[in-house]
PDB file of N, CA and C in Angstrom:
ATOM      1  N   UNK A   1      11.584  48.579 -57.041  1.00  0.00           N
ATOM      2  CA  UNK A   1      11.290  48.276 -55.662  1.00  0.00           C
ATOM      3  C   UNK A   1      10.526  46.936 -55.535  1.00  0.00           C
ATOM      4  N   UNK A   2       9.475  46.709 -56.334  1.00  0.00           N
ATOM      5  CA  UNK A   2       8.667  45.516 -56.323  1.00  0.00           C
ATOM      6  C   UNK A   2       9.533  44.324 -56.729  1.00  0.00           C
ATOM      7  N   UNK A   3      10.386  44.544 -57.686  1.00  0.00           N
ATOM      8  CA  UNK A   3      11.271  43.438 -58.155  1.00  0.00           C
ATOM      9  C   UNK A   3      12.192  42.998 -57.047  1.00  0.00           C
ATOM     10  N   UNK A   4      12.670  43.892 -56.256  1.00  0.00           N
ATOM     11  CA  UNK A   4      13.558  43.543 -55.144  1.00  0.00           C
ATOM     12  C   UNK A   4      12.793  42.684 -54.153  1.00  0.00           C
ATOM     13  N   UNK A   5      11.540  43.042 -53.823  1.00  0.00           N
ATOM     14  CA  UNK A   5      10.714  42.270 -52.943  1.00  0.00           C
ATOM     15  C   UNK A   5      10.426  40.915 -53.460  1.00  0.00           C
ATOM     16  N   UNK A   6      10.101  40.757 -54.717  1.00  0.00           N
ATOM     17  CA  UNK A   6       9.879  39.505 -55.382  1.00  0.00           C
ATOM     18  C   UNK A   6      11.088  38.626 -55.396  1.00  0.00           C
ATOM     19  N   UNK A   7      12.226  39.204 -55.650  1.00  0.00           N
ATOM     20  CA  UNK A   7      13.486  38.418 -55.643  1.00  0.00           C
ATOM     21  C   UNK A   7      13.782  37.979 -54.227  1.00  0.00           C
ATOM     22  N   UNK A   8      13.576  38.849 -53.270  1.00  0.00           N
ATOM     23  CA  UNK A   8      13.798  38.452 -51.898  1.00  0.00           C
ATOM     24  C   UNK A   8      12.928  37.307 -51.415  1.00  0.00           C
ATOM     25  N   UNK A   9      11.652  37.339 -51.884  1.00  0.00           N
ATOM     26  CA  UNK A   9      10.688  36.288 -51.655  1.00  0.00           C
ATOM     27  C   UNK A   9      11.148  34.937 -52.237  1.00  0.00           C
ATOM     28  N   UNK A  10      11.677  35.076 -53.415  1.00  0.00           N
ATOM     29  CA  UNK A  10      12.140  33.811 -54.049  1.00  0.00           C
ATOM     30  C   UNK A  10      13.363  33.215 -53.331  1.00  0.00           C
ATOM     31  N   UNK A  11      14.262  34.072 -52.850  1.00  0.00           N
ATOM     32  CA  UNK A  11      15.445  33.558 -52.171  1.00  0.00           C
ATOM     33  C   UNK A  11      15.020  32.974 -50.822  1.00  0.00           C
ATOM     34  N   UNK A  12      14.054  33.685 -50.076  1.00  0.00           N
ATOM     35  CA  UNK A  12      13.639  33.127 -48.761  1.00  0.00           C
ATOM     36  C   UNK A  12      12.894  31.837 -48.927  1.00  0.00           C
ATOM     37  N   UNK A  13      12.096  31.693 -50.045  1.00  0.00           N
ATOM     38  CA  UNK A  13      11.410  30.403 -50.243  1.00  0.00           C
ATOM     39  C   UNK A  13      12.423  29.293 -50.585  1.00  0.00           C
ATOM     40  N   UNK A  14      13.486  29.633 -51.340  1.00  0.00           N
ATOM     41  CA  UNK A  14      14.455  28.667 -51.706  1.00  0.00           C
ATOM     42  C   UNK A  14      15.262  28.153 -50.467  1.00  0.00           C
ATOM     43  N   UNK A  15      15.559  29.154 -49.572  1.00  0.00           N
ATOM     44  CA  UNK A  15      16.324  28.778 -48.373  1.00  0.00           C
ATOM     45  C   UNK A  15      15.394  27.893 -47.436  1.00  0.00           C
ATOM     46  N   UNK A  16      14.183  28.251 -47.265  1.00  0.00           N
ATOM     47  CA  UNK A  16      13.218  27.478 -46.482  1.00  0.00           C
ATOM     48  C   UNK A  16      12.980  26.083 -47.069  1.00  0.00           C
ATOM     49  N   UNK A  17      13.063  26.000 -48.410  1.00  0.00           N
ATOM     50  CA  UNK A  17      12.940  24.705 -49.073  1.00  0.00           C
ATOM     51  C   UNK A  17      14.063  23.781 -48.643  1.00  0.00           C
ATOM     52  N   UNK A  18      15.194  24.336 -48.492  1.00  0.00           N
ATOM     53  CA  UNK A  18      16.405  23.501 -48.101  1.00  0.00           C
ATOM     54  C   UNK A  18      16.182  23.018 -46.673  1.00  0.00           C
ATOM     55  N   UNK A  19      15.565  23.793 -45.815  1.00  0.00           N
ATOM     56  CA  UNK A  19      15.234  23.279 -44.457  1.00  0.00           C
ATOM     57  C   UNK A  19      14.257  22.152 -44.496  1.00  0.00           C
ATOM     58  N   UNK A  20      13.243  22.215 -45.380  1.00  0.00           N
ATOM     59  CA  UNK A  20      12.306  21.162 -45.555  1.00  0.00           C
ATOM     60  C   UNK A  20      12.926  19.955 -46.108  1.00  0.00           C
ATOM     61  N   UNK A  21      13.871  20.162 -47.056  1.00  0.00           N
ATOM     62  CA  UNK A  21      14.595  18.971 -47.631  1.00  0.00           C
ATOM     63  C   UNK A  21      15.464  18.319 -46.541  1.00  0.00           C
ATOM     64  N   UNK A  22      16.045  19.013 -45.604  1.00  0.00           N
ATOM     65  CA  UNK A  22      16.750  18.394 -44.512  1.00  0.00           C
ATOM     66  C   UNK A  22      15.757  17.609 -43.696  1.00  0.00           C
ATOM     67  N   UNK A  23      14.559  18.083 -43.440  1.00  0.00           N
ATOM     68  CA  UNK A  23      13.589  17.283 -42.651  1.00  0.00           C
ATOM     69  C   UNK A  23      13.213  16.051 -43.387  1.00  0.00           C
ATOM     70  N   UNK A  24      13.156  16.191 -44.724  1.00  0.00           N
ATOM     71  CA  UNK A  24      12.811  14.959 -45.540  1.00  0.00           C
ATOM     72  C   UNK A  24      13.874  13.934 -45.456  1.00  0.00           C
ATOM     73  N   UNK A  25      15.129  14.350 -45.383  1.00  0.00           N
ATOM     74  CA  UNK A  25      16.288  13.454 -45.244  1.00  0.00           C
ATOM     75  C   UNK A  25      16.378  12.870 -43.910  1.00  0.00           C
ATOM     76  N   UNK A  26      16.269  13.665 -42.812  1.00  0.00           N
ATOM     77  CA  UNK A  26      16.453  13.205 -41.463  1.00  0.00           C
ATOM     78  C   UNK A  26      15.172  12.811 -40.719  1.00  0.00           C
ATOM     79  N   UNK A  27      14.048  12.924 -41.389  1.00  0.00           N
ATOM     80  CA  UNK A  27      12.744  12.691 -40.712  1.00  0.00           C
ATOM     81  C   UNK A  27      12.705  11.337 -40.003  1.00  0.00           C
ATOM     82  N   UNK A  28      12.296  11.305 -38.722  1.00  0.00           N
ATOM     83  CA  UNK A  28      12.300  10.067 -38.073  1.00  0.00           C
ATOM     84  C   UNK A  28      11.238   9.056 -38.594  1.00  0.00           C
ATOM     85  N   UNK A  29      10.137   9.599 -39.161  1.00  0.00           N
ATOM     86  CA  UNK A  29       9.168   8.679 -39.612  1.00  0.00           C
ATOM     87  C   UNK A  29       8.864   8.964 -41.080  1.00  0.00           C
ATOM     88  N   UNK A  30       8.214   8.066 -41.720  1.00  0.00           N
ATOM     89  CA  UNK A  30       7.855   8.264 -43.130  1.00  0.00           C
ATOM     90  C   UNK A  30       6.904   9.396 -43.337  1.00  0.00           C
ATOM     91  N   UNK A  31       5.977   9.508 -42.411  1.00  0.00           N
ATOM     92  CA  UNK A  31       5.013  10.575 -42.507  1.00  0.00           C
ATOM     93  C   UNK A  31       5.689  11.996 -42.538  1.00  0.00           C
ATOM     94  N   UNK A  32       6.695  12.107 -41.705  1.00  0.00           N
ATOM     95  CA  UNK A  32       7.478  13.357 -41.690  1.00  0.00           C
ATOM     96  C   UNK A  32       8.043  13.622 -43.009  1.00  0.00           C
ATOM     97  N   UNK A  33       8.560  12.628 -43.605  1.00  0.00           N
ATOM     98  CA  UNK A  33       9.217  12.776 -44.915  1.00  0.00           C
ATOM     99  C   UNK A  33       8.200  13.109 -45.987  1.00  0.00           C
ATOM    100  N   UNK A  34       7.009  12.566 -45.936  1.00  0.00           N
ATOM    101  CA  UNK A  34       5.998  12.878 -46.887  1.00  0.00           C
ATOM    102  C   UNK A  34       5.525  14.349 -46.731  1.00  0.00           C
ATOM    103  N   UNK A  35       5.314  14.718 -45.515  1.00  0.00           N
ATOM    104  CA  UNK A  35       4.901  16.107 -45.264  1.00  0.00           C
ATOM    105  C   UNK A  35       6.016  17.085 -45.700  1.00  0.00           C
ATOM    106  N   UNK A  36       7.241  16.783 -45.516  1.00  0.00           N
ATOM    107  CA  UNK A  36       8.360  17.649 -45.923  1.00  0.00           C
ATOM    108  C   UNK A  36       8.471  17.768 -47.447  1.00  0.00           C
ATOM    109  N   UNK A  37       8.198  16.677 -48.112  1.00  0.00           N
ATOM    110  CA  UNK A  37       8.241  16.762 -49.584  1.00  0.00           C
ATOM    111  C   UNK A  37       7.035  17.533 -50.047  1.00  0.00           C
ATOM    112  N   UNK A  38       5.916  17.447 -49.433  1.00  0.00           N
ATOM    113  CA  UNK A  38       4.721  18.233 -49.803  1.00  0.00           C
ATOM    114  C   UNK A  38       5.008  19.688 -49.612  1.00  0.00           C
ATOM    115  N   UNK A  39       5.692  20.076 -48.487  1.00  0.00           N
ATOM    116  CA  UNK A  39       6.019  21.465 -48.179  1.00  0.00           C
ATOM    117  C   UNK A  39       7.027  21.956 -49.306  1.00  0.00           C
ATOM    118  N   UNK A  40       7.993  21.178 -49.701  1.00  0.00           N
ATOM    119  CA  UNK A  40       8.884  21.580 -50.740  1.00  0.00           C
ATOM    120  C   UNK A  40       8.112  21.811 -52.052  1.00  0.00           C
ATOM    121  N   UNK A  41       7.185  20.957 -52.333  1.00  0.00           N
ATOM    122  CA  UNK A  41       6.380  21.141 -53.566  1.00  0.00           C
ATOM    123  C   UNK A  41       5.579  22.430 -53.480  1.00  0.00           C
ATOM    124  N   UNK A  42       5.011  22.758 -52.331  1.00  0.00           N
ATOM    125  CA  UNK A  42       4.264  23.924 -52.211  1.00  0.00           C
ATOM    126  C   UNK A  42       5.129  25.221 -52.379  1.00  0.00           C
ATOM    127  N   UNK A  43       6.263  25.114 -51.792  1.00  0.00           N
ATOM    128  CA  UNK A  43       7.262  26.289 -51.872  1.00  0.00           C
ATOM    129  C   UNK A  43       7.793  26.463 -53.302  1.00  0.00           C
ATOM    130  N   UNK A  44       7.995  25.365 -54.012  1.00  0.00           N
ATOM    131  CA  UNK A  44       8.428  25.484 -55.388  1.00  0.00           C
ATOM    132  C   UNK A  44       7.279  26.095 -56.300  1.00  0.00           C
ATOM    133  N   UNK A  45       6.054  25.715 -55.880  1.00  0.00           N
ATOM    134  CA  UNK A  45       4.927  26.312 -56.666  1.00  0.00           C
ATOM    135  C   UNK A  45       4.889  27.796 -56.442  1.00  0.00           C
ATOM    136  N   UNK A  46       5.050  28.230 -55.225  1.00  0.00           N
ATOM    137  CA  UNK A  46       5.061  29.638 -54.877  1.00  0.00           C
ATOM    138  C   UNK A  46       6.209  30.311 -55.573  1.00  0.00           C
ATOM    139  N   UNK A  47       7.389  29.692 -55.641  1.00  0.00           N
ATOM    140  CA  UNK A  47       8.497  30.308 -56.353  1.00  0.00           C
ATOM    141  C   UNK A  47       8.286  30.462 -57.793  1.00  0.00           C
ATOM    142  N   UNK A  48       7.593  29.463 -58.430  1.00  0.00           N
ATOM    143  CA  UNK A  48       7.326  29.619 -59.793  1.00  0.00           C
ATOM    144  C   UNK A  48       6.348  30.785 -60.142  1.00  0.00           C
ATOM    145  N   UNK A  49       5.395  30.977 -59.230  1.00  0.00           N
ATOM    146  CA  UNK A  49       4.454  32.115 -59.393  1.00  0.00           C
ATOM    147  C   UNK A  49       5.252  33.403 -59.218  1.00  0.00           C
ATOM    148  N   UNK A  50       6.170  33.475 -58.238  1.00  0.00           N
ATOM    149  CA  UNK A  50       6.947  34.704 -58.078  1.00  0.00           C
ATOM    150  C   UNK A  50       7.885  34.969 -59.278  1.00  0.00           C
ATOM    151  N   UNK A  51       8.404  33.884 -59.834  1.00  0.00           N
ATOM    152  CA  UNK A  51       9.224  34.067 -61.020  1.00  0.00           C
ATOM    153  C   UNK A  51       8.422  34.578 -62.176  1.00  0.00           C
ATOM    154  N   UNK A  52       7.130  34.087 -62.276  1.00  0.00           N
ATOM    155  CA  UNK A  52       6.196  34.619 -63.269  1.00  0.00           C
ATOM    156  C   UNK A  52       6.017  36.127 -63.132  1.00  0.00           C
ATOM    157  N   UNK A  53       5.876  36.553 -61.865  1.00  0.00           N
ATOM    158  CA  UNK A  53       5.719  38.010 -61.687  1.00  0.00           C
ATOM    159  C   UNK A  53       7.002  38.733 -61.962  1.00  0.00           C
ATOM    160  N   UNK A  54       8.133  38.183 -61.597  1.00  0.00           N
ATOM    161  CA  UNK A  54       9.398  38.871 -61.789  1.00  0.00           C
ATOM    162  C   UNK A  54       9.702  39.064 -63.219  1.00  0.00           C
ATOM    163  N   UNK A  55       9.468  38.014 -64.081  1.00  0.00           N
ATOM    164  CA  UNK A  55       9.822  38.081 -65.537  1.00  0.00           C
ATOM    165  C   UNK A  55       8.625  38.585 -66.334  1.00  0.00           C
ATOM    166  N   UNK A  56       7.471  38.679 -65.795  1.00  0.00           N
ATOM    167  CA  UNK A  56       6.283  39.161 -66.554  1.00  0.00           C
ATOM    168  C   UNK A  56       5.697  38.247 -67.487  1.00  0.00           C
ATOM    169  N   UNK A  57       5.827  36.951 -67.217  1.00  0.00           N
ATOM    170  CA  UNK A  57       5.217  35.904 -68.038  1.00  0.00           C
ATOM    171  C   UNK A  57       4.079  35.216 -67.301  1.00  0.00           C
ATOM    172  N   UNK A  58       2.834  35.589 -67.637  1.00  0.00           N
ATOM    173  CA  UNK A  58       1.701  34.958 -66.858  1.00  0.00           C
ATOM    174  C   UNK A  58       1.522  33.550 -67.228  1.00  0.00           C
ATOM    175  N   UNK A  59       2.112  33.023 -68.270  1.00  0.00           N
ATOM    176  CA  UNK A  59       1.922  31.650 -68.682  1.00  0.00           C
ATOM    177  C   UNK A  59       2.655  30.678 -67.604  1.00  0.00           C
ATOM    178  N   UNK A  60       3.599  31.235 -66.878  1.00  0.00           N
ATOM    179  CA  UNK A  60       4.250  30.459 -65.902  1.00  0.00           C
ATOM    180  C   UNK A  60       3.374  30.065 -64.760  1.00  0.00           C
ATOM    181  N   UNK A  61       2.265  30.788 -64.580  1.00  0.00           N
ATOM    182  CA  UNK A  61       1.289  30.472 -63.532  1.00  0.00           C
ATOM    183  C   UNK A  61       0.551  29.144 -63.832  1.00  0.00           C
ATOM    184  N   UNK A  62       0.369  28.876 -65.136  1.00  0.00           N
ATOM    185  CA  UNK A  62      -0.220  27.564 -65.555  1.00  0.00           C
ATOM    186  C   UNK A  62       0.767  26.446 -65.211  1.00  0.00           C
ATOM    187  N   UNK A  63       2.004  26.696 -65.380  1.00  0.00           N
ATOM    188  CA  UNK A  63       2.994  25.632 -65.041  1.00  0.00           C
ATOM    189  C   UNK A  63       2.998  25.455 -63.502  1.00  0.00           C
ATOM    190  N   UNK A  64       2.817  26.485 -62.768  1.00  0.00           N
ATOM    191  CA  UNK A  64       2.763  26.381 -61.315  1.00  0.00           C
ATOM    192  C   UNK A  64       1.454  25.547 -60.880  1.00  0.00           C
ATOM    193  N   UNK A  65       0.392  25.785 -61.538  1.00  0.00           N
ATOM    194  CA  UNK A  65      -0.805  25.047 -61.261  1.00  0.00           C
ATOM    195  C   UNK A  65      -0.696  23.602 -61.517  1.00  0.00           C
ATOM    196  N   UNK A  66      -0.076  23.211 -62.602  1.00  0.00           N
ATOM    197  CA  UNK A  66       0.158  21.824 -62.961  1.00  0.00           C
ATOM    198  C   UNK A  66       1.154  21.202 -62.006  1.00  0.00           C
ATOM    199  N   UNK A  67       2.185  21.933 -61.621  1.00  0.00           N
ATOM    200  CA  UNK A  67       3.119  21.423 -60.679  1.00  0.00           C
ATOM    201  C   UNK A  67       2.483  21.154 -59.263  1.00  0.00           C
ATOM    202  N   UNK A  68       1.538  22.058 -58.929  1.00  0.00           N
ATOM    203  CA  UNK A  68       0.830  21.969 -57.656  1.00  0.00           C
ATOM    204  C   UNK A  68      -0.032  20.681 -57.665  1.00  0.00           C
ATOM    205  N   UNK A  69      -0.723  20.464 -58.829  1.00  0.00           N
ATOM    206  CA  UNK A  69      -1.602  19.306 -58.880  1.00  0.00           C
ATOM    207  C   UNK A  69      -0.811  18.026 -58.903  1.00  0.00           C
ATOM    208  N   UNK A  70       0.347  18.005 -59.554  1.00  0.00           N
ATOM    209  CA  UNK A  70       1.248  16.811 -59.563  1.00  0.00           C
ATOM    210  C   UNK A  70       1.731  16.564 -58.142  1.00  0.00           C
ATOM    211  N   UNK A  71       2.119  17.588 -57.373  1.00  0.00           N
ATOM    212  CA  UNK A  71       2.564  17.482 -55.987  1.00  0.00           C
ATOM    213  C   UNK A  71       1.474  16.893 -55.119  1.00  0.00           C
ATOM    214  N   UNK A  72       0.264  17.422 -55.270  1.00  0.00           N
ATOM    215  CA  UNK A  72      -0.879  16.955 -54.463  1.00  0.00           C
ATOM    216  C   UNK A  72      -1.153  15.479 -54.808  1.00  0.00           C
ATOM    217  N   UNK A  73      -1.202  15.082 -56.062  1.00  0.00           N
ATOM    218  CA  UNK A  73      -1.510  13.773 -56.395  1.00  0.00           C
ATOM    219  C   UNK A  73      -0.484  12.740 -55.928  1.00  0.00           C
ATOM    220  N   UNK A  74       0.811  13.229 -55.985  1.00  0.00           N
ATOM    221  CA  UNK A  74       1.847  12.299 -55.556  1.00  0.00           C
ATOM    222  C   UNK A  74       1.803  12.153 -54.058  1.00  0.00           C
ATOM    223  N   UNK A  75       1.468  13.188 -53.347  1.00  0.00           N
ATOM    224  CA  UNK A  75       1.257  13.079 -51.862  1.00  0.00           C
ATOM    225  C   UNK A  75       0.103  12.122 -51.568  1.00  0.00           C
ATOM    226  N   UNK A  76      -0.908  12.215 -52.273  1.00  0.00           N
ATOM    227  CA  UNK A  76      -2.103  11.335 -52.006  1.00  0.00           C
ATOM    228  C   UNK A  76      -1.724   9.894 -52.322  1.00  0.00           C
ATOM    229  N   UNK A  77      -0.959   9.699 -53.405  1.00  0.00           N
ATOM    230  CA  UNK A  77      -0.533   8.379 -53.757  1.00  0.00           C
ATOM    231  C   UNK A  77       0.402   7.748 -52.764  1.00  0.00           C
ATOM    232  N   UNK A  78       1.396   8.575 -52.277  1.00  0.00           N
ATOM    233  CA  UNK A  78       2.275   7.969 -51.266  1.00  0.00           C
ATOM    234  C   UNK A  78       1.550   7.691 -49.980  1.00  0.00           C
ATOM    235  N   UNK A  79       0.647   8.554 -49.574  1.00  0.00           N
ATOM    236  CA  UNK A  79      -0.146   8.329 -48.362  1.00  0.00           C
ATOM    237  C   UNK A  79      -1.012   7.091 -48.407  1.00  0.00           C
ATOM    238  N   UNK A  80      -1.609   6.882 -49.645  1.00  0.00           N
ATOM    239  CA  UNK A  80      -2.443   5.711 -49.800  1.00  0.00           C
ATOM    240  C   UNK A  80      -1.577   4.443 -49.801  1.00  0.00           C
ATOM    241  N   UNK A  81      -0.420   4.547 -50.388  1.00  0.00           N
ATOM    242  CA  UNK A  81       0.536   3.348 -50.372  1.00  0.00           C
ATOM    243  C   UNK A  81       0.997   3.100 -48.994  1.00  0.00           C
ATOM    244  N   UNK A  82       1.226   4.076 -48.135  1.00  0.00           N
ATOM    245  CA  UNK A  82       1.656   3.838 -46.820  1.00  0.00           C
ATOM    246  C   UNK A  82       0.482   3.235 -45.966  1.00  0.00           C
ATOM    247  N   UNK A  83      -0.686   3.672 -46.200  1.00  0.00           N
ATOM    248  CA  UNK A  83      -1.768   3.135 -45.428  1.00  0.00           C
ATOM    249  C   UNK A  83      -2.201   1.655 -45.771  1.00  0.00           C
ATOM    250  N   UNK A  84      -2.275   1.460 -47.148  1.00  0.00           N
ATOM    251  CA  UNK A  84      -2.792   0.186 -47.599  1.00  0.00           C
ATOM    252  C   UNK A  84      -1.835  -0.811 -48.109  1.00  0.00           C
ATOM    253  N   UNK A  85      -0.538  -0.289 -48.410  1.00  0.00           N
ATOM    254  CA  UNK A  85       0.459  -1.170 -48.942  1.00  0.00           C
ATOM    255  C   UNK A  85       0.391  -1.407 -50.424  1.00  0.00           C
ATOM    256  N   UNK A  86      -0.604  -0.823 -51.114  1.00  0.00           N
ATOM    257  CA  UNK A  86      -0.760  -0.957 -52.559  1.00  0.00           C
ATOM    258  C   UNK A  86      -1.480   0.230 -53.009  1.00  0.00           C
ATOM    259  N   UNK A  87      -1.525   0.440 -54.342  1.00  0.00           N
ATOM    260  CA  UNK A  87      -2.158   1.644 -54.962  1.00  0.00           C
ATOM    261  C   UNK A  87      -3.499   1.334 -55.587  1.00  0.00           C
ATOM    262  N   UNK A  88      -4.011   0.115 -55.565  1.00  0.00           N
ATOM    263  CA  UNK A  88      -5.256  -0.131 -56.213  1.00  0.00           C
ATOM    264  C   UNK A  88      -6.420   0.400 -55.423  1.00  0.00           C
TER     265      UNK A  88
END
């Protein structure tokens, strides 16, 4: 029963990630695109955690944490580049 719920959560997160990817593609402003990519990164992080629960591998949670940190840092980098025009 719990595996069915976890699998359903993974599928729903994947489908909603495609909606965010569409917003990243069609976003009218660059800020919309950055936020959409950040949403995709967050959803992929949650999917990795659900996969860790589904297969019973707690080490995947470490991968999810690293992926979340990379997503956060890339969002900060892009935002800084958009505001200042450089990364220094």
